[in-house]
All heavy atoms as atom14 arrays in JSON, in Angstrom:
{
  "sequence": "GYQNVSVIWRSWLKGFEMTVEGRVDGTFPYAQTPSRKKLVLFSE",
  "atom14_mask": [
    [1, 1, 1, 1, 0, 0, 0, 0, 0, 0, 0, 0, 0, 0],
    [1, 1, 1, 1, 1, 1, 1, 1, 1, 1, 1, 1, 0, 0],
    [1, 1, 1, 1, 1, 1, 1, 1, 1, 0, 0, 0, 0, 0],
    [1, 1, 1, 1, 1, 1, 1, 1, 0, 0, 0, 0, 0, 0],
    [1, 1, 1, 1, 1, 1, 1, 0, 0, 0, 0, 0, 0, 0],
    [1, 1, 1, 1, 1, 1, 0, 0, 0, 0, 0, 0, 0, 0],
    [1, 1, 1, 1, 1, 1, 1, 0, 0, 0, 0, 0, 0, 0],
    [1, 1, 1, 1, 1, 1, 1, 1, 0, 0, 0, 0, 0, 0],
    [1, 1, 1, 1, 1, 1, 1, 1, 1, 1, 1, 1, 1, 1],
    [1, 1, 1, 1, 1, 1, 1, 1, 1, 1, 1, 0, 0, 0],
    [1, 1, 1, 1, 1, 1, 0, 0, 0, 0, 0, 0, 0, 0],
    [1, 1, 1, 1, 1, 1, 1, 1, 1, 1, 1, 1, 1, 1],
    [1, 1, 1, 1, 1, 1, 1, 1, 0, 0, 0, 0, 0, 0],
    [1, 1, 1, 1, 1, 1, 1, 1, 1, 0, 0, 0, 0, 0],
    [1, 1, 1, 1, 0, 0, 0, 0, 0, 0, 0, 0, 0, 0],
    [1, 1, 1, 1, 1, 1, 1, 1, 1, 1, 1, 0, 0, 0],
    [1, 1, 1, 1, 1, 1, 1, 1, 1, 0, 0, 0, 0, 0],
    [1, 1, 1, 1, 1, 1, 1, 1, 0, 0, 0, 0, 0, 0],
    [1, 1, 1, 1, 1, 1, 1, 0, 0, 0, 0, 0, 0, 0],
    [1, 1, 1, 1, 1, 1, 1, 0, 0, 0, 0, 0, 0, 0],
    [1, 1, 1, 1, 1, 1, 1, 1, 1, 0, 0, 0, 0, 0],
    [1, 1, 1, 1, 0, 0, 0, 0, 0, 0, 0, 0, 0, 0],
    [1, 1, 1, 1, 1, 1, 1, 1, 1, 1, 1, 0, 0, 0],
    [1, 1, 1, 1, 1, 1, 1, 0, 0, 0, 0, 0, 0, 0],
    [1, 1, 1, 1, 1, 1, 1, 1, 0, 0, 0, 0, 0, 0],
    [1, 1, 1, 1, 0, 0, 0, 0, 0, 0, 0, 0, 0, 0],
    [1, 1, 1, 1, 1, 1, 1, 0, 0, 0, 0, 0, 0, 0],
    [1, 1, 1, 1, 1, 1, 1, 1, 1, 1, 1, 0, 0, 0],
    [1, 1, 1, 1, 1, 1, 1, 0, 0, 0, 0, 0, 0, 0],
    [1, 1, 1, 1, 1, 1, 1, 1, 1, 1, 1, 1, 0, 0],
    [1, 1, 1, 1, 1, 0, 0, 0, 0, 0, 0, 0, 0, 0],
    [1, 1, 1, 1, 1, 1, 1, 1, 1, 0, 0, 0, 0, 0],
    [1, 1, 1, 1, 1, 1, 1, 0, 0, 0, 0, 0, 0, 0],
    [1, 1, 1, 1, 1, 1, 1, 0, 0, 0, 0, 0, 0, 0],
    [1, 1, 1, 1, 1, 1, 0, 0, 0, 0, 0, 0, 0, 0],
    [1, 1, 1, 1, 1, 1, 1, 1, 1, 1, 1, 0, 0, 0],
    [1, 1, 1, 1, 1, 1, 1, 1, 1, 0, 0, 0, 0, 0],
    [1, 1, 1, 1, 1, 1, 1, 1, 1, 0, 0, 0, 0, 0],
    [1, 1, 1, 1, 1, 1, 1, 1, 0, 0, 0, 0, 0, 0],
    [1, 1, 1, 1, 1, 1, 1, 0, 0, 0, 0, 0, 0, 0],
    [1, 1, 1, 1, 1, 1, 1, 1, 0, 0, 0, 0, 0, 0],
    [1, 1, 1, 1, 1, 1, 1, 1, 1, 1, 1, 0, 0, 0],
    [1, 1, 1, 1, 1, 1, 0, 0, 0, 0, 0, 0, 0, 0],
    [1, 1, 1, 1, 1, 1, 1, 1, 1, 0, 0, 0, 0, 0]
  ],
  "atom14_positions": [
    [[317.98, 164.29, 66.95], [318.78, 163.82, 68.07], [320.26, 164.15, 68.02], [321.02, 163.69, 68.88], [0.0, 0.0, 0.0], [0.0, 0.0, 0.0], [0.0, 0.0, 0.0], [0.0, 0.0, 0.0], [0.0, 0.0, 0.0], [0.0, 0.0, 0.0], [0.0, 0.0, 0.0], [0.0, 0.0, 0.0], [0.0, 0.0, 0.0], [0.0, 0.0, 0.0]],
    [[320.69, 164.94, 67.04], [322.1, 165.34, 66.98], [322.35, 166.38, 68.08], [321.61, 167.35, 68.2], [322.44, 165.91, 65.61], [322.51, 164.87, 64.52], [321.35, 164.34, 63.96], [323.74, 164.39, 64.07], [321.41, 163.36, 62.98], [323.8, 163.41, 63.09], [322.63, 162.91, 62.55], [322.7, 161.94, 61.58], [0.0, 0.0, 0.0], [0.0, 0.0, 0.0]],
    [[323.39, 166.17, 68.85], [323.6, 166.98, 70.05], [324.5, 168.19, 69.83], [324.41, 169.17, 70.55], [324.19, 166.09, 71.16], [323.27, 164.94, 71.55], [323.87, 164.05, 72.62], [324.73, 164.47, 73.38], [323.41, 162.81, 72.69], [0.0, 0.0, 0.0], [0.0, 0.0, 0.0], [0.0, 0.0, 0.0], [0.0, 0.0, 0.0], [0.0, 0.0, 0.0]],
    [[325.39, 168.12, 68.85], [326.31, 169.23, 68.62], [326.45, 169.45, 67.12], [327.19, 168.74, 66.46], [327.67, 168.95, 69.26], [328.64, 170.1, 69.09], [328.24, 171.22, 68.75], [329.91, 169.85, 69.31], [0.0, 0.0, 0.0], [0.0, 0.0, 0.0], [0.0, 0.0, 0.0], [0.0, 0.0, 0.0], [0.0, 0.0, 0.0], [0.0, 0.0, 0.0]],
    [[325.75, 170.44, 66.6], [325.8, 170.76, 65.17], [326.61, 172.04, 65.02], [326.13, 173.13, 65.32], [324.39, 170.94, 64.58], [324.47, 171.2, 63.08], [323.53, 169.71, 64.88], [0.0, 0.0, 0.0], [0.0, 0.0, 0.0], [0.0, 0.0, 0.0], [0.0, 0.0, 0.0], [0.0, 0.0, 0.0], [0.0, 0.0, 0.0], [0.0, 0.0, 0.0]],
    [[327.85, 171.9, 64.57], [328.73, 173.07, 64.43], [328.83, 173.48, 62.97], [328.82, 172.64, 62.07], [330.12, 172.76, 64.99], [330.73, 171.71, 64.27], [0.0, 0.0, 0.0], [0.0, 0.0, 0.0], [0.0, 0.0, 0.0], [0.0, 0.0, 0.0], [0.0, 0.0, 0.0], [0.0, 0.0, 0.0], [0.0, 0.0, 0.0], [0.0, 0.0, 0.0]],
    [[328.92, 174.79, 62.75], [329.02, 175.35, 61.4], [330.28, 176.19, 61.31], [330.48, 177.1, 62.13], [327.79, 176.21, 61.06], [327.94, 176.82, 59.66], [326.51, 175.38, 61.14], [0.0, 0.0, 0.0], [0.0, 0.0, 0.0], [0.0, 0.0, 0.0], [0.0, 0.0, 0.0], [0.0, 0.0, 0.0], [0.0, 0.0, 0.0], [0.0, 0.0, 0.0]],
    [[331.13, 175.89, 60.34], [332.31, 176.71, 60.08], [332.07, 177.5, 58.8], [331.25, 177.14, 57.97], [333.59, 175.87, 59.98], [333.5, 174.86, 58.82], [333.89, 175.16, 61.29], [334.8, 174.1, 58.58], [0.0, 0.0, 0.0], [0.0, 0.0, 0.0], [0.0, 0.0, 0.0], [0.0, 0.0, 0.0], [0.0, 0.0, 0.0], [0.0, 0.0, 0.0]],
    [[332.79, 178.62, 58.66], [332.59, 179.52, 57.54], [333.83, 179.55, 56.66], [334.93, 179.78, 57.14], [332.27, 180.93, 58.04], [331.05, 180.96, 58.93], [330.99, 180.69, 60.25], [329.72, 181.26, 58.52], [329.71, 180.81, 60.71], [328.9, 181.16, 59.67], [329.14, 181.63, 57.3], [327.53, 181.4, 59.63], [327.78, 181.87, 57.26], [326.99, 181.75, 58.42]],
    [[333.63, 179.29, 55.38], [334.71, 179.34, 54.4], [334.19, 180.01, 53.13], [332.99, 180.27, 53.02], [335.2, 177.92, 54.06], [335.8, 177.15, 55.23], [337.12, 177.75, 55.69], [337.75, 176.93, 56.72], [337.54, 177.08, 58.03], [336.69, 178.02, 58.46], [338.15, 176.3, 58.91], [0.0, 0.0, 0.0], [0.0, 0.0, 0.0], [0.0, 0.0, 0.0]],
    [[335.06, 180.27, 52.18], [334.58, 180.78, 50.91], [333.67, 179.71, 50.29], [333.79, 178.52, 50.62], [335.75, 181.06, 49.96], [336.35, 179.86, 49.52], [0.0, 0.0, 0.0], [0.0, 0.0, 0.0], [0.0, 0.0, 0.0], [0.0, 0.0, 0.0], [0.0, 0.0, 0.0], [0.0, 0.0, 0.0], [0.0, 0.0, 0.0], [0.0, 0.0, 0.0]],
    [[332.78, 180.12, 49.41], [331.86, 179.15, 48.8], [332.62, 178.08, 48.04], [332.27, 176.89, 48.1], [330.87, 179.89, 47.89], [329.91, 180.72, 48.68], [329.97, 182.07, 48.89], [328.77, 180.25, 49.41], [328.93, 182.46, 49.71], [328.19, 181.37, 50.03], [328.2, 179.0, 49.58], [327.04, 181.27, 50.82], [327.05, 178.9, 50.37], [326.48, 180.02, 50.98]],
    [[333.64, 178.5, 47.35], [334.43, 177.54, 46.58], [335.12, 176.53, 47.49], [335.09, 175.32, 47.25], [335.46, 178.28, 45.72], [336.1, 177.51, 44.56], [335.04, 177.09, 43.56], [337.16, 178.37, 43.89], [0.0, 0.0, 0.0], [0.0, 0.0, 0.0], [0.0, 0.0, 0.0], [0.0, 0.0, 0.0], [0.0, 0.0, 0.0], [0.0, 0.0, 0.0]],
    [[335.73, 177.03, 48.58], [336.46, 176.16, 49.51], [335.51, 175.23, 50.25], [335.8, 174.04, 50.45], [337.25, 177.01, 50.5], [338.12, 176.2, 51.45], [339.23, 175.48, 50.71], [340.16, 174.76, 51.66], [341.21, 174.0, 50.92], [0.0, 0.0, 0.0], [0.0, 0.0, 0.0], [0.0, 0.0, 0.0], [0.0, 0.0, 0.0], [0.0, 0.0, 0.0]],
    [[334.38, 175.77, 50.68], [333.42, 174.96, 51.43], [332.87, 173.81, 50.61], [332.72, 172.69, 51.11], [0.0, 0.0, 0.0], [0.0, 0.0, 0.0], [0.0, 0.0, 0.0], [0.0, 0.0, 0.0], [0.0, 0.0, 0.0], [0.0, 0.0, 0.0], [0.0, 0.0, 0.0], [0.0, 0.0, 0.0], [0.0, 0.0, 0.0], [0.0, 0.0, 0.0]],
    [[332.59, 174.08, 49.35], [332.09, 173.0, 48.48], [333.18, 171.96, 48.25], [332.91, 170.76, 48.25], [331.61, 173.59, 47.16], [330.85, 172.6, 46.31], [329.56, 172.24, 46.64], [331.43, 172.03, 45.19], [328.84, 171.32, 45.87], [330.74, 171.12, 44.41], [329.44, 170.77, 44.75], [0.0, 0.0, 0.0], [0.0, 0.0, 0.0], [0.0, 0.0, 0.0]],
    [[334.4, 172.42, 48.08], [335.53, 171.51, 47.89], [335.7, 170.61, 49.11], [335.91, 169.4, 48.98], [336.8, 172.33, 47.67], [338.07, 171.53, 47.52], [339.29, 172.43, 47.41], [339.51, 172.98, 46.32], [340.01, 172.59, 48.41], [0.0, 0.0, 0.0], [0.0, 0.0, 0.0], [0.0, 0.0, 0.0], [0.0, 0.0, 0.0], [0.0, 0.0, 0.0]],
    [[335.6, 171.18, 50.32], [335.72, 170.4, 51.55], [334.61, 169.35, 51.64], [334.83, 168.23, 52.11], [335.66, 171.32, 52.77], [336.85, 172.25, 52.9], [336.62, 173.48, 54.21], [336.67, 172.42, 55.68], [0.0, 0.0, 0.0], [0.0, 0.0, 0.0], [0.0, 0.0, 0.0], [0.0, 0.0, 0.0], [0.0, 0.0, 0.0], [0.0, 0.0, 0.0]],
    [[333.41, 169.72, 51.18], [332.28, 168.79, 51.22], [332.48, 167.65, 50.24], [332.25, 166.48, 50.57], [330.98, 169.55, 50.88], [330.81, 170.63, 51.81], [329.78, 168.63, 50.95], [0.0, 0.0, 0.0], [0.0, 0.0, 0.0], [0.0, 0.0, 0.0], [0.0, 0.0, 0.0], [0.0, 0.0, 0.0], [0.0, 0.0, 0.0], [0.0, 0.0, 0.0]],
    [[332.9, 167.96, 49.03], [333.14, 166.94, 48.01], [334.2, 165.94, 48.48], [334.09, 164.73, 48.25], [333.56, 167.59, 46.67], [334.07, 166.55, 45.68], [332.4, 168.37, 46.08], [0.0, 0.0, 0.0], [0.0, 0.0, 0.0], [0.0, 0.0, 0.0], [0.0, 0.0, 0.0], [0.0, 0.0, 0.0], [0.0, 0.0, 0.0], [0.0, 0.0, 0.0]],
    [[335.22, 166.46, 49.17], [336.32, 165.6, 49.64], [335.98, 164.86, 50.93], [336.79, 164.06, 51.42], [337.57, 166.46, 49.84], [338.12, 167.03, 48.54], [339.29, 167.98, 48.76], [339.59, 168.29, 49.95], [339.88, 168.42, 47.77], [0.0, 0.0, 0.0], [0.0, 0.0, 0.0], [0.0, 0.0, 0.0], [0.0, 0.0, 0.0], [0.0, 0.0, 0.0]],
    [[334.8, 165.12, 51.52], [334.4, 164.42, 52.73], [335.06, 164.92, 53.99], [335.04, 164.24, 55.01], [0.0, 0.0, 0.0], [0.0, 0.0, 0.0], [0.0, 0.0, 0.0], [0.0, 0.0, 0.0], [0.0, 0.0, 0.0], [0.0, 0.0, 0.0], [0.0, 0.0, 0.0], [0.0, 0.0, 0.0], [0.0, 0.0, 0.0], [0.0, 0.0, 0.0]],
    [[335.63, 166.12, 53.95], [336.3, 166.67, 55.13], [335.32, 167.3, 56.11], [335.69, 167.63, 57.24], [337.37, 167.68, 54.71], [338.57, 167.02, 54.03], [339.69, 168.01, 53.84], [339.47, 168.87, 52.69], [339.93, 170.12, 52.58], [340.58, 170.67, 53.58], [339.72, 170.82, 51.49], [0.0, 0.0, 0.0], [0.0, 0.0, 0.0], [0.0, 0.0, 0.0]],
    [[334.09, 167.52, 55.67], [333.01, 167.97, 56.53], [331.79, 167.1, 56.23], [331.78, 166.35, 55.25], [332.66, 169.47, 56.32], [333.78, 170.37, 56.83], [332.37, 169.75, 54.85], [0.0, 0.0, 0.0], [0.0, 0.0, 0.0], [0.0, 0.0, 0.0], [0.0, 0.0, 0.0], [0.0, 0.0, 0.0], [0.0, 0.0, 0.0], [0.0, 0.0, 0.0]],
    [[330.77, 167.21, 57.07], [329.61, 166.34, 56.92], [328.54, 166.89, 55.98], [327.57, 166.19, 55.68], [328.98, 166.07, 58.29], [329.95, 165.36, 59.22], [330.59, 164.4, 58.77], [330.07, 165.77, 60.4], [0.0, 0.0, 0.0], [0.0, 0.0, 0.0], [0.0, 0.0, 0.0], [0.0, 0.0, 0.0], [0.0, 0.0, 0.0], [0.0, 0.0, 0.0]],
    [[328.7, 168.13, 55.52], [327.73, 168.68, 54.58], [327.87, 170.18, 54.44], [328.6, 170.83, 55.2], [0.0, 0.0, 0.0], [0.0, 0.0, 0.0], [0.0, 0.0, 0.0], [0.0, 0.0, 0.0], [0.0, 0.0, 0.0], [0.0, 0.0, 0.0], [0.0, 0.0, 0.0], [0.0, 0.0, 0.0], [0.0, 0.0, 0.0], [0.0, 0.0, 0.0]],
    [[327.17, 170.74, 53.46], [327.18, 172.18, 53.25], [325.82, 172.61, 52.71], [324.98, 171.79, 52.34], [328.31, 172.62, 52.3], [328.39, 174.06, 52.3], [328.08, 172.12, 50.88], [0.0, 0.0, 0.0], [0.0, 0.0, 0.0], [0.0, 0.0, 0.0], [0.0, 0.0, 0.0], [0.0, 0.0, 0.0], [0.0, 0.0, 0.0], [0.0, 0.0, 0.0]],
    [[325.6, 173.91, 52.63], [324.3, 174.48, 52.25], [324.45, 175.99, 52.05], [325.46, 176.55, 52.5], [323.29, 174.2, 53.37], [323.73, 174.79, 54.7], [323.41, 176.09, 55.07], [324.52, 174.05, 55.56], [323.87, 176.64, 56.28], [324.98, 174.58, 56.77], [324.64, 175.88, 57.12], [0.0, 0.0, 0.0], [0.0, 0.0, 0.0], [0.0, 0.0, 0.0]],
    [[323.49, 176.68, 51.45], [322.45, 176.14, 50.6], [322.93, 176.1, 49.15], [323.61, 177.03, 48.7], [321.31, 177.15, 50.77], [322.01, 178.46, 51.01], [323.3, 178.14, 51.71], [0.0, 0.0, 0.0], [0.0, 0.0, 0.0], [0.0, 0.0, 0.0], [0.0, 0.0, 0.0], [0.0, 0.0, 0.0], [0.0, 0.0, 0.0], [0.0, 0.0, 0.0]],
    [[322.6, 175.07, 48.44], [323.05, 174.92, 47.05], [321.88, 174.54, 46.15], [320.99, 173.8, 46.56], [324.13, 173.84, 46.95], [325.5, 174.39, 47.28], [325.95, 174.44, 48.59], [326.33, 174.88, 46.28], [327.19, 174.97, 48.91], [327.58, 175.41, 46.59], [328.01, 175.45, 47.9], [329.24, 175.98, 48.2], [0.0, 0.0, 0.0], [0.0, 0.0, 0.0]],
    [[321.91, 175.06, 44.92], [320.96, 174.65, 43.89], [321.58, 173.5, 43.1], [322.8, 173.32, 43.09], [320.64, 175.82, 42.96], [0.0, 0.0, 0.0], [0.0, 0.0, 0.0], [0.0, 0.0, 0.0], [0.0, 0.0, 0.0], [0.0, 0.0, 0.0], [0.0, 0.0, 0.0], [0.0, 0.0, 0.0], [0.0, 0.0, 0.0], [0.0, 0.0, 0.0]],
    [[320.74, 172.73, 42.44], [321.22, 171.6, 41.65], [321.74, 172.06, 40.3], [321.14, 172.9, 39.65], [320.11, 170.58, 41.42], [319.79, 169.71, 42.6], [318.84, 168.57, 42.24], [318.54, 168.35, 41.07], [318.37, 167.85, 43.24], [0.0, 0.0, 0.0], [0.0, 0.0, 0.0], [0.0, 0.0, 0.0], [0.0, 0.0, 0.0], [0.0, 0.0, 0.0]],
    [[322.86, 171.49, 39.9], [323.36, 171.61, 38.54], [323.83, 170.22, 38.12], [324.13, 169.38, 38.99], [324.54, 172.59, 38.42], [325.67, 172.06, 39.14], [324.19, 173.97, 38.99], [0.0, 0.0, 0.0], [0.0, 0.0, 0.0], [0.0, 0.0, 0.0], [0.0, 0.0, 0.0], [0.0, 0.0, 0.0], [0.0, 0.0, 0.0], [0.0, 0.0, 0.0]],
    [[323.91, 169.94, 36.82], [324.37, 168.62, 36.39], [325.75, 168.24, 36.94], [325.97, 167.1, 37.34], [324.39, 168.75, 34.86], [323.34, 169.76, 34.56], [323.43, 170.75, 35.69], [0.0, 0.0, 0.0], [0.0, 0.0, 0.0], [0.0, 0.0, 0.0], [0.0, 0.0, 0.0], [0.0, 0.0, 0.0], [0.0, 0.0, 0.0], [0.0, 0.0, 0.0]],
    [[326.66, 169.21, 36.99], [328.01, 168.91, 37.49], [328.0, 168.63, 38.99], [328.71, 167.75, 39.47], [328.96, 170.07, 37.17], [328.52, 171.27, 37.78], [0.0, 0.0, 0.0], [0.0, 0.0, 0.0], [0.0, 0.0, 0.0], [0.0, 0.0, 0.0], [0.0, 0.0, 0.0], [0.0, 0.0, 0.0], [0.0, 0.0, 0.0], [0.0, 0.0, 0.0]],
    [[327.2, 169.35, 39.75], [327.14, 169.13, 41.19], [326.52, 167.79, 41.53], [326.91, 167.15, 42.51], [326.34, 170.26, 41.85], [327.06, 171.6, 41.91], [326.16, 172.68, 42.47], [326.84, 173.98, 42.53], [326.23, 175.14, 42.77], [324.93, 175.15, 43.0], [326.92, 176.26, 42.8], [0.0, 0.0, 0.0], [0.0, 0.0, 0.0], [0.0, 0.0, 0.0]],
    [[325.55, 167.34, 40.73], [324.88, 166.07, 41.02], [325.82, 164.89, 40.93], [325.54, 163.83, 41.48], [323.7, 165.89, 40.06], [322.53, 166.83, 40.36], [321.44, 166.72, 39.32], [320.66, 165.43, 39.45], [319.48, 165.41, 38.54], [0.0, 0.0, 0.0], [0.0, 0.0, 0.0], [0.0, 0.0, 0.0], [0.0, 0.0, 0.0], [0.0, 0.0, 0.0]],
    [[326.95, 165.07, 40.26], [327.95, 164.01, 40.19], [328.82, 163.96, 41.44], [329.48, 162.96, 41.7], [328.85, 164.22, 38.97], [328.12, 164.18, 37.63], [329.07, 164.51, 36.49], [328.36, 164.54, 35.15], [329.26, 164.93, 34.03], [0.0, 0.0, 0.0], [0.0, 0.0, 0.0], [0.0, 0.0, 0.0], [0.0, 0.0, 0.0], [0.0, 0.0, 0.0]],
    [[328.81, 165.06, 42.21], [329.74, 165.19, 43.32], [329.09, 165.12, 44.7], [329.74, 164.76, 45.67], [330.48, 166.53, 43.2], [331.29, 166.74, 41.91], [331.78, 168.18, 41.84], [332.46, 165.78, 41.86], [0.0, 0.0, 0.0], [0.0, 0.0, 0.0], [0.0, 0.0, 0.0], [0.0, 0.0, 0.0], [0.0, 0.0, 0.0], [0.0, 0.0, 0.0]],
    [[327.81, 165.49, 44.78], [327.14, 165.55, 46.08], [325.74, 164.95, 45.99], [325.14, 164.88, 44.92], [327.04, 167.01, 46.61], [328.4, 167.6, 46.88], [326.25, 167.89, 45.64], [0.0, 0.0, 0.0], [0.0, 0.0, 0.0], [0.0, 0.0, 0.0], [0.0, 0.0, 0.0], [0.0, 0.0, 0.0], [0.0, 0.0, 0.0], [0.0, 0.0, 0.0]],
    [[325.23, 164.52, 47.16], [323.84, 164.1, 47.29], [323.02, 165.29, 47.76], [323.46, 166.05, 48.63], [323.71, 162.96, 48.29], [324.46, 161.66, 47.98], [324.17, 160.64, 49.07], [324.07, 161.11, 46.62], [0.0, 0.0, 0.0], [0.0, 0.0, 0.0], [0.0, 0.0, 0.0], [0.0, 0.0, 0.0], [0.0, 0.0, 0.0], [0.0, 0.0, 0.0]],
    [[321.82, 165.43, 47.23], [320.96, 166.56, 47.57], [319.82, 166.11, 48.48], [319.24, 165.03, 48.29], [320.36, 167.17, 46.29], [321.35, 167.97, 45.5], [322.23, 167.35, 44.63], [321.42, 169.35, 45.62], [323.15, 168.07, 43.9], [322.33, 170.09, 44.88], [323.2, 169.45, 44.02], [0.0, 0.0, 0.0], [0.0, 0.0, 0.0], [0.0, 0.0, 0.0]],
    [[319.49, 166.97, 49.43], [318.37, 166.72, 50.33], [317.06, 167.06, 49.63], [317.04, 167.42, 48.45], [318.52, 167.6, 51.57], [318.3, 168.97, 51.22], [0.0, 0.0, 0.0], [0.0, 0.0, 0.0], [0.0, 0.0, 0.0], [0.0, 0.0, 0.0], [0.0, 0.0, 0.0], [0.0, 0.0, 0.0], [0.0, 0.0, 0.0], [0.0, 0.0, 0.0]],
    [[315.97, 166.97, 50.37], [314.71, 167.54, 49.92], [314.88, 169.07, 49.89], [315.69, 169.62, 50.64], [313.58, 167.16, 50.88], [313.22, 165.68, 50.87], [312.67, 165.24, 49.53], [311.86, 165.99, 48.95], [313.05, 164.15, 49.06], [0.0, 0.0, 0.0], [0.0, 0.0, 0.0], [0.0, 0.0, 0.0], [0.0, 0.0, 0.0], [0.0, 0.0, 0.0]]
  ]
}
């Protein structure tokens, strides 16, 4: 039911940083690592 799903493009490093800081609603696609699991929630 989401009506407007917009995607912006940044470097991988910058995009992940923006996600960790909560400046965007999410990012993809990422594999799990121990360090990432401390910073982000993973989907199925």
